[in-house]
C-alpha atoms as a PDB file:
ATOM      1  CA  MET A   1      45.846  87.542 -49.828  1.00  0.00           C
ATOM      2  CA  SER A   2      45.731  88.872 -46.179  1.00  0.00           C
ATOM      3  CA  VAL A   3      48.259  90.953 -44.174  1.00  0.00           C
ATOM      4  CA  ILE A   4      49.689  87.406 -42.263  1.00  0.00           C
ATOM      5  CA  GLY A   5      48.784  85.605 -45.383  1.00  0.00           C
ATOM      6  CA  THR A   6      51.786  88.153 -46.875  1.00  0.00           C
ATOM      7  CA  ARG A   7      54.119  88.320 -43.771  1.00  0.00           C
ATOM      8  CA  ILE A   8      53.871  84.047 -43.111  1.00  0.00           C
ATOM      9  CA  ALA A   9      55.114  84.421 -47.052  1.00  0.00           C
ATOM     10  CA  ALA A  10      57.694  87.198 -46.589  1.00  0.00           C
ATOM     11  CA  ALA A  11      59.248  85.512 -44.104  1.00  0.00           C
ATOM     12  CA  ARG A  12      59.677  82.362 -45.443  1.00  0.00           C
ATOM     13  CA  ASN A  13      61.224  83.318 -48.462  1.00  0.00           C
ATOM     14  CA  ALA A  14      63.638  85.447 -46.837  1.00  0.00           C
ATOM     15  CA  LYS A  15      64.850  81.936 -45.480  1.00  0.00           C
ATOM     16  CA  GLY A  16      64.099  80.253 -48.921  1.00  0.00           C
ATOM     17  CA  TRP A  17      61.975  78.007 -47.955  1.00  0.00           C
ATOM     18  CA  SER A  18      58.904  76.890 -49.596  1.00  0.00           C
ATOM     19  CA  GLN A  19      55.151  75.908 -48.834  1.00  0.00           C
ATOM     20  CA  LYS A  20      56.600  72.075 -48.165  1.00  0.00           C
ATOM     21  CA  ASP A  21      59.773  73.550 -46.231  1.00  0.00           C
ATOM     22  CA  LEU A  22      57.961  75.412 -43.917  1.00  0.00           C
ATOM     23  CA  ALA A  23      54.682  72.595 -43.731  1.00  0.00           C
ATOM     24  CA  ASP A  24      57.062  70.153 -43.040  1.00  0.00           C
ATOM     25  CA  ARG A  25      58.632  72.414 -39.645  1.00  0.00           C
ATOM     26  CA  MET A  26      55.657  72.755 -38.599  1.00  0.00           C
ATOM     27  CA  SER A  27      54.185  69.504 -39.785  1.00  0.00           C
ATOM     28  CA  VAL A  28      50.933  70.100 -41.599  1.00  0.00           C
ATOM     29  CA  SER A  29      50.421  69.743 -44.921  1.00  0.00           C
ATOM     30  CA  GLN A  30      51.379  71.655 -47.478  1.00  0.00           C
ATOM     31  CA  PRO A  31      47.831  73.159 -48.879  1.00  0.00           C
ATOM     32  CA  THR A  32      47.503  74.171 -44.773  1.00  0.00           C
ATOM     33  CA  ILE A  33      50.274  76.594 -45.270  1.00  0.00           C
ATOM     34  CA  GLN A  34      48.575  77.730 -48.834  1.00  0.00           C
ATOM     35  CA  ARG A  35      45.078  78.523 -47.239  1.00  0.00           C
ATOM     36  CA  TYR A  36      47.628  79.506 -43.616  1.00  0.00           C
ATOM     37  CA  GLU A  37      48.956  82.687 -46.856  1.00  0.00           C
ATOM     38  CA  SER A  38      46.000  82.759 -49.252  1.00  0.00           C
ATOM     39  CA  GLY A  39      43.724  83.712 -45.372  1.00  0.00           C
ATOM     40  CA  LYS A  40      41.638  81.182 -46.448  1.00  0.00           C
ATOM     41  CA  ARG A  41      42.477  80.024 -42.755  1.00  0.00           C
ATOM     42  CA  ASP A  42      42.235  81.694 -39.213  1.00  0.00           C
ATOM     43  CA  LEU A  43      44.848  80.885 -37.402  1.00  0.00           C
ATOM     44  CA  ASP A  44      44.298  79.991 -33.527  1.00  0.00           C
ATOM     45  CA  THR A  45      46.838  81.829 -30.996  1.00  0.00           C
ATOM     46  CA  GLU A  46      49.048  78.546 -31.018  1.00  0.00           C
ATOM     47  CA  LYS A  47      48.955  78.053 -34.122  1.00  0.00           C
ATOM     48  CA  LEU A  48      50.392  81.657 -34.384  1.00  0.00           C
ATOM     49  CA  VAL A  49      52.906  81.169 -32.289  1.00  0.00           C
ATOM     50  CA  SER A  50      54.344  78.289 -33.681  1.00  0.00           C
ATOM     51  CA  LEU A  51      54.825  80.222 -36.923  1.00  0.00           C
ATOM     52  CA  SER A  52      56.357  82.807 -35.504  1.00  0.00           C
ATOM     53  CA  SER A  53      59.515  80.479 -33.577  1.00  0.00           C
ATOM     54  CA  VAL A  54      59.411  78.488 -37.173  1.00  0.00           C
ATOM     55  CA  LEU A  55      59.866  81.408 -38.864  1.00  0.00           C
ATOM     56  CA  GLY A  56      61.641  82.848 -36.212  1.00  0.00           C
ATOM     57  CA  VAL A  57      59.842  86.438 -36.253  1.00  0.00           C
ATOM     58  CA  THR A  58      57.384  87.874 -33.907  1.00  0.00           C
ATOM     59  CA  VAL A  59      53.440  87.890 -33.692  1.00  0.00           C
ATOM     60  CA  SER A  60      53.527  91.055 -33.668  1.00  0.00           C
ATOM     61  CA  TYR A  61      55.196  91.203 -37.389  1.00  0.00           C
ATOM     62  CA  LEU A  62      52.961  88.604 -38.428  1.00  0.00           C
ATOM     63  CA  LEU A  63      49.891  90.064 -37.237  1.00  0.00           C
ATOM     64  CA  GLY A  64      50.928  93.435 -39.331  1.00  0.00           C
ATOM     65  CA  LEU A  65      51.570  95.336 -36.212  1.00  0.00           C
ATOM     66  CA  ASP A  66      55.651  95.901 -36.351  1.00  0.00           C
ATOM     67  CA  SER A  67      57.764  95.836 -39.854  1.00  0.00           C
ATOM     68  CA  ASN A  68      60.724  94.858 -38.317  1.00  0.00           C
ATOM     69  CA  PRO A  69      60.096  91.303 -38.251  1.00  0.00           C
ATOM     70  CA  SER A  70      63.141  90.456 -35.315  1.00  0.00           C
ATOM     71  CA  PHE A  71      62.827  89.611 -32.285  1.00  0.00           C
ATOM     72  CA  VAL A  72      63.587  91.927 -28.921  1.00  0.00           C
ATOM     73  CA  SER A  73      67.002  91.149 -27.913  1.00  0.00           C
ATOM     74  CA  VAL A  74      66.725  91.074 -24.666  1.00  0.00           C
ATOM     75  CA  VAL A  75      63.828  89.624 -23.625  1.00  0.00           C
ATOM     76  CA  SER A  76      63.071  90.312 -19.841  1.00  0.00           C
ATOM     77  CA  SER A  77      59.934  87.877 -17.611  1.00  0.00           C
ATOM     78  CA  ASP A  78      59.554  91.140 -15.115  1.00  0.00           C
ATOM     79  CA  THR A  79      56.719  93.311 -15.557  1.00  0.00           C
ATOM     80  CA  VAL A  80      55.577  96.717 -15.211  1.00  0.00           C
ATOM     81  CA  PRO A  81      51.604  97.445 -14.602  1.00  0.00           C
ATOM     82  CA  VAL A  82      49.701  99.272 -17.662  1.00  0.00           C
ATOM     83  CA  PRO A  83      46.713 101.012 -17.691  1.00  0.00           C
ATOM     84  CA  VAL A  84      43.668  99.358 -19.244  1.00  0.00           C
ATOM     85  CA  LEU A  85      41.585 102.906 -20.353  1.00  0.00           C
ATOM     86  CA  GLY A  86      38.587 101.063 -21.304  1.00  0.00           C
ATOM     87  CA  ARG A  87      37.144  99.319 -24.632  1.00  0.00           C
ATOM     88  CA  ILE A  88      37.640 100.529 -27.989  1.00  0.00           C
ATOM     89  CA  ALA A  89      34.511  99.493 -30.482  1.00  0.00           C
ATOM     90  CA  ALA A  90      35.852  96.787 -34.201  1.00  0.00           C
ATOM     91  CA  GLY A  91      32.804  97.262 -35.604  1.00  0.00           C
ATOM     92  CA  THR A  92      30.691 100.619 -35.628  1.00  0.00           C
ATOM     93  CA  PRO A  93      32.430 103.139 -33.682  1.00  0.00           C
ATOM     94  CA  ARG A  94      31.012 103.331 -30.127  1.00  0.00           C
ATOM     95  CA  ALA A  95      31.700 106.128 -27.559  1.00  0.00           C
ATOM     96  CA  ALA A  96      35.136 106.585 -26.642  1.00  0.00           C
ATOM     97  CA  PHE A  97      36.511 104.005 -24.518  1.00  0.00           C
ATOM     98  CA  SER A  98      36.091 105.272 -20.292  1.00  0.00           C
ATOM     99  CA  GLN A  99      39.301 105.928 -17.579  1.00  0.00           C
ATOM    100  CA  SER A 100      39.180 102.512 -15.049  1.00  0.00           C
ATOM    101  CA  ASP A 101      40.935 101.197 -12.695  1.00  0.00           C
ATOM    102  CA  ASP A 102      43.133  97.577 -14.651  1.00  0.00           C
ATOM    103  CA  TYR A 103      45.262  97.660 -14.648  1.00  0.00           C
ATOM    104  CA  HIS A 104      47.802  94.643 -17.351  1.00  0.00           C
ATOM    105  CA  ASP A 105      51.080  93.149 -16.302  1.00  0.00           C
ATOM    106  CA  THR A 106      52.971  94.003 -19.417  1.00  0.00           C
ATOM    107  CA  GLN A 107      56.734  93.179 -20.251  1.00  0.00           C
ATOM    108  CA  ARG A 108      58.977  95.235 -18.986  1.00  0.00           C
ATOM    109  CA  GLY A 109      61.341  95.130 -22.379  1.00  0.00           C
ATOM    110  CA  LEU A 110      58.455  96.243 -24.324  1.00  0.00           C
ATOM    111  CA  VAL A 111      57.012  99.445 -22.034  1.00  0.00           C
ATOM    112  CA  ALA A 112      60.320  99.823 -22.346  1.00  0.00           C
ATOM    113  CA  SER A 113      59.921 100.801 -25.888  1.00  0.00           C
ATOM    114  CA  HIS A 114      56.509 102.207 -25.453  1.00  0.00           C
ATOM    115  CA  PRO A 115      57.212 104.490 -21.768  1.00  0.00           C
ATOM    116  CA  ASN A 116      53.016 106.083 -23.136  1.00  0.00           C
ATOM    117  CA  ALA A 117      51.374 103.645 -24.734  1.00  0.00           C
ATOM    118  CA  PHE A 118      48.535 102.333 -22.859  1.00  0.00           C
ATOM    119  CA  TRP A 119      45.391  99.261 -23.150  1.00  0.00           C
ATOM    120  CA  LEU A 120      42.253  98.976 -24.360  1.00  0.00           C
ATOM    121  CA  VAL A 121      39.776  96.127 -24.724  1.00  0.00           C
ATOM    122  CA  VAL A 122      38.278  95.222 -28.168  1.00  0.00           C
ATOM    123  CA  ALA A 123      34.713  95.086 -28.153  1.00  0.00           C
ATOM    124  CA  GLY A 124      33.078  93.780 -31.818  1.00  0.00           C
ATOM    125  CA  ASN A 125      34.034  91.548 -34.684  1.00  0.00           C
ATOM    126  CA  SER A 126      35.429  93.423 -38.232  1.00  0.00           C
ATOM    127  CA  MET A 127      39.043  93.200 -36.644  1.00  0.00           C
ATOM    128  CA  ASN A 128      38.504  89.390 -35.838  1.00  0.00           C
ATOM    129  CA  ARG A 129      41.042  88.463 -38.339  1.00  0.00           C
ATOM    130  CA  LEU A 130      43.897  89.730 -35.401  1.00  0.00           C
ATOM    131  CA  PHE A 131      42.070  90.223 -32.572  1.00  0.00           C
ATOM    132  CA  PRO A 132      39.524  88.569 -31.147  1.00  0.00           C
ATOM    133  CA  GLU A 133      36.441  90.384 -28.724  1.00  0.00           C
ATOM    134  CA  GLY A 134      37.632  90.847 -26.075  1.00  0.00           C
ATOM    135  CA  ALA A 135      41.724  91.054 -26.637  1.00  0.00           C
ATOM    136  CA  LEU A 136      43.591  93.421 -25.497  1.00  0.00           C
ATOM    137  CA  VAL A 137      45.811  95.890 -28.310  1.00  0.00           C
ATOM    138  CA  LEU A 138      48.364  97.899 -26.807  1.00  0.00           C
ATOM    139  CA  VAL A 139      48.198 101.264 -28.717  1.00  0.00           C
ATOM    140  CA  ASP A 140      51.371 103.921 -27.960  1.00  0.00           C
ATOM    141  CA  PRO A 141      50.443 107.339 -28.810  1.00  0.00           C
ATOM    142  CA  ASP A 142      53.669 108.262 -29.931  1.00  0.00           C
ATOM    143  CA  ALA A 143      54.890 106.201 -32.562  1.00  0.00           C
ATOM    144  CA  GLU A 144      54.244 107.895 -35.806  1.00  0.00           C
ATOM    145  CA  VAL A 145      51.200 105.770 -37.953  1.00  0.00           C
ATOM    146  CA  ARG A 146      51.734 105.353 -41.515  1.00  0.00           C
ATOM    147  CA  SER A 147      48.912 104.215 -44.619  1.00  0.00           C
ATOM    148  CA  GLY A 148      48.656 100.073 -43.234  1.00  0.00           C
ATOM    149  CA  ASP A 149      49.561 100.396 -40.340  1.00  0.00           C
ATOM    150  CA  VAL A 150      46.377  99.135 -37.472  1.00  0.00           C
ATOM    151  CA  ALA A 151      45.247 102.081 -34.758  1.00  0.00           C
ATOM    152  CA  ALA A 152      42.824 103.281 -32.718  1.00  0.00           C
ATOM    153  CA  ILE A 153      41.628 105.936 -33.995  1.00  0.00           C
ATOM    154  CA  PHE A 154      38.698 109.120 -33.244  1.00  0.00           C
ATOM    155  CA  VAL A 155      35.940 109.187 -35.575  1.00  0.00           C
ATOM    156  CA  ASN A 156      33.639 112.684 -34.432  1.00  0.00           C
ATOM    157  CA  GLY A 157      34.994 113.300 -31.481  1.00  0.00           C
ATOM    158  CA  ASP A 158      33.670 110.826 -29.043  1.00  0.00           C
ATOM    159  CA  ASP A 159      33.732 107.747 -30.880  1.00  0.00           C
ATOM    160  CA  ALA A 160      36.973 105.693 -30.913  1.00  0.00           C
ATOM    161  CA  THR A 161      37.262 101.988 -33.356  1.00  0.00           C
ATOM    162  CA  ILE A 162      40.724 100.709 -34.359  1.00  0.00           C
ATOM    163  CA  LYS A 163      40.964  99.620 -37.749  1.00  0.00           C
ATOM    164  CA  ARG A 164      43.371  99.100 -40.262  1.00  0.00           C
ATOM    165  CA  VAL A 165      44.309 102.818 -42.464  1.00  0.00           C
ATOM    166  CA  TYR A 166      45.032 104.216 -45.436  1.00  0.00           C
ATOM    167  CA  PHE A 167      45.917 107.586 -46.462  1.00  0.00           C
ATOM    168  CA  GLU A 168      45.442 107.990 -50.329  1.00  0.00           C
ATOM    169  CA  ASP A 169      44.896 111.114 -52.170  1.00  0.00           C
ATOM    170  CA  GLY A 170      44.234 112.724 -49.169  1.00  0.00           C
ATOM    171  CA  THR A 171      41.807 110.912 -47.923  1.00  0.00           C
ATOM    172  CA  VAL A 172      41.507 108.640 -44.548  1.00  0.00           C
ATOM    173  CA  ARG A 173      40.265 105.097 -45.419  1.00  0.00           C
ATOM    174  CA  LEU A 174      39.285 102.487 -42.316  1.00  0.00           C
ATOM    175  CA  HIS A 175      39.576  99.449 -42.986  1.00  0.00           C
ATOM    176  CA  PRO A 176      38.396  95.970 -41.403  1.00  0.00           C
ATOM    177  CA  GLU A 177      40.525  92.949 -41.083  1.00  0.00           C
ATOM    178  CA  SER A 178      36.926  90.670 -40.359  1.00  0.00           C
ATOM    179  CA  TRP A 179      35.744  87.159 -41.540  1.00  0.00           C
ATOM    180  CA  ASP A 180      32.143  88.517 -41.700  1.00  0.00           C
ATOM    181  CA  PRO A 181      31.670  89.965 -44.560  1.00  0.00           C
ATOM    182  CA  GLU A 182      28.861  92.682 -43.241  1.00  0.00           C
ATOM    183  CA  TYR A 183      31.764  94.731 -42.593  1.00  0.00           C
ATOM    184  CA  ARG A 184      33.270  97.150 -45.006  1.00  0.00           C
ATOM    185  CA  ASP A 185      35.652  99.977 -45.567  1.00  0.00           C
ATOM    186  CA  ARG A 186      34.697 103.134 -44.508  1.00  0.00           C
ATOM    187  CA  THR A 187      36.290 106.076 -46.692  1.00  0.00           C
ATOM    188  CA  ILE A 188      36.579 109.310 -45.242  1.00  0.00           C
ATOM    189  CA  ASP A 189      37.441 113.141 -46.809  1.00  0.00           C
ATOM    190  CA  PRO A 190      38.367 115.557 -44.487  1.00  0.00           C
ATOM    191  CA  SER A 191      37.619 118.288 -47.427  1.00  0.00           C
ATOM    192  CA  ASP A 192      33.944 117.499 -47.262  1.00  0.00           C
ATOM    193  CA  PRO A 193      32.490 120.036 -44.657  1.00  0.00           C
ATOM    194  CA  ASP A 194      30.481 116.802 -44.114  1.00  0.00           C
ATOM    195  CA  ALA A 195      32.354 114.024 -42.885  1.00  0.00           C
ATOM    196  CA  PRO A 196      33.478 113.261 -40.143  1.00  0.00           C
ATOM    197  CA  ALA A 197      35.949 114.427 -37.557  1.00  0.00           C
ATOM    198  CA  VAL A 198      39.363 112.029 -37.713  1.00  0.00           C
ATOM    199  CA  ARG A 199      42.332 112.278 -35.153  1.00  0.00           C
ATOM    200  CA  VAL A 200      44.865 108.889 -34.934  1.00  0.00           C
ATOM    201  CA  ILE A 201      45.097 107.979 -31.672  1.00  0.00           C
ATOM    202  CA  GLY A 202      47.979 106.002 -31.827  1.00  0.00           C
ATOM    203  CA  ARG A 203      49.414 102.407 -33.344  1.00  0.00           C
ATOM    204  CA  ALA A 204      48.727  99.420 -32.432  1.00  0.00           C
ATOM    205  CA  VAL A 205      51.995  98.281 -30.981  1.00  0.00           C
ATOM    206  CA  SER A 206      51.724  94.633 -29.216  1.00  0.00           C
ATOM    207  CA  TYR A 207      47.954  92.360 -27.928  1.00  0.00           C
ATOM    208  CA  THR A 208      47.486  89.433 -25.541  1.00  0.00           C
ATOM    209  CA  ALA A 209      44.479  86.999 -26.802  1.00  0.00           C
ATOM    210  CA  PRO A 210      41.312  86.470 -23.756  1.00  0.00           C
ATOM    211  CA  ASP A 211      41.851  83.366 -22.222  1.00  0.00           C
ATOM    212  CA  GLY A 212      40.516  80.301 -23.157  1.00  0.00           C
ATOM    213  CA  TRP A 213      40.674  82.158 -27.028  1.00  0.00           C
ATOM    214  CA  ARG A 214      41.418  79.574 -29.862  1.00  0.00           C
ATOM    215  CA  GLY A 215      40.092  81.316 -32.820  1.00  0.00           C
END
């Protein structure tokens, strides 16, 4: 079961609903909900937002970016420009993201919760279960990154990538969330003198899909 599927099931169960109950509210079949929860069917942005609304949880929660399923109590339409620092690999780590003059208008409430956050543009498909290529991911350098979180990291000093990160027995495991089976986990053991250095940049706390994306 994928992270998204696990979160859908958890939110559904918290309401005491069966898959059929959720299917009826989504105007889809029960097998469709089963495939969403098992990770056998992709979710486009429209369906993800609809599930978020029906289940009463945030999109960030369904994506596994936030452990708190609750909506922010005060939603403001005001936006604040937040810098887009460059592109980050969702695949093989690439040269660290560069500075740019781009900004993305971001909800004021989100900025208030993550005042030092910045946007990065996803390049590649190793995280396309969560983020399509061209998506913007908001990274908070002050947010604690725990095992299982999605994070932006430096590998070997000047290479930057985004992966789900697991801290296991002194190692760091970088887990891709991709529909492409060519992407595999990578485990780095800091005690190995030949292992590349790993430094966490920050936790992914939100994202926005590119215009016209439907999964």
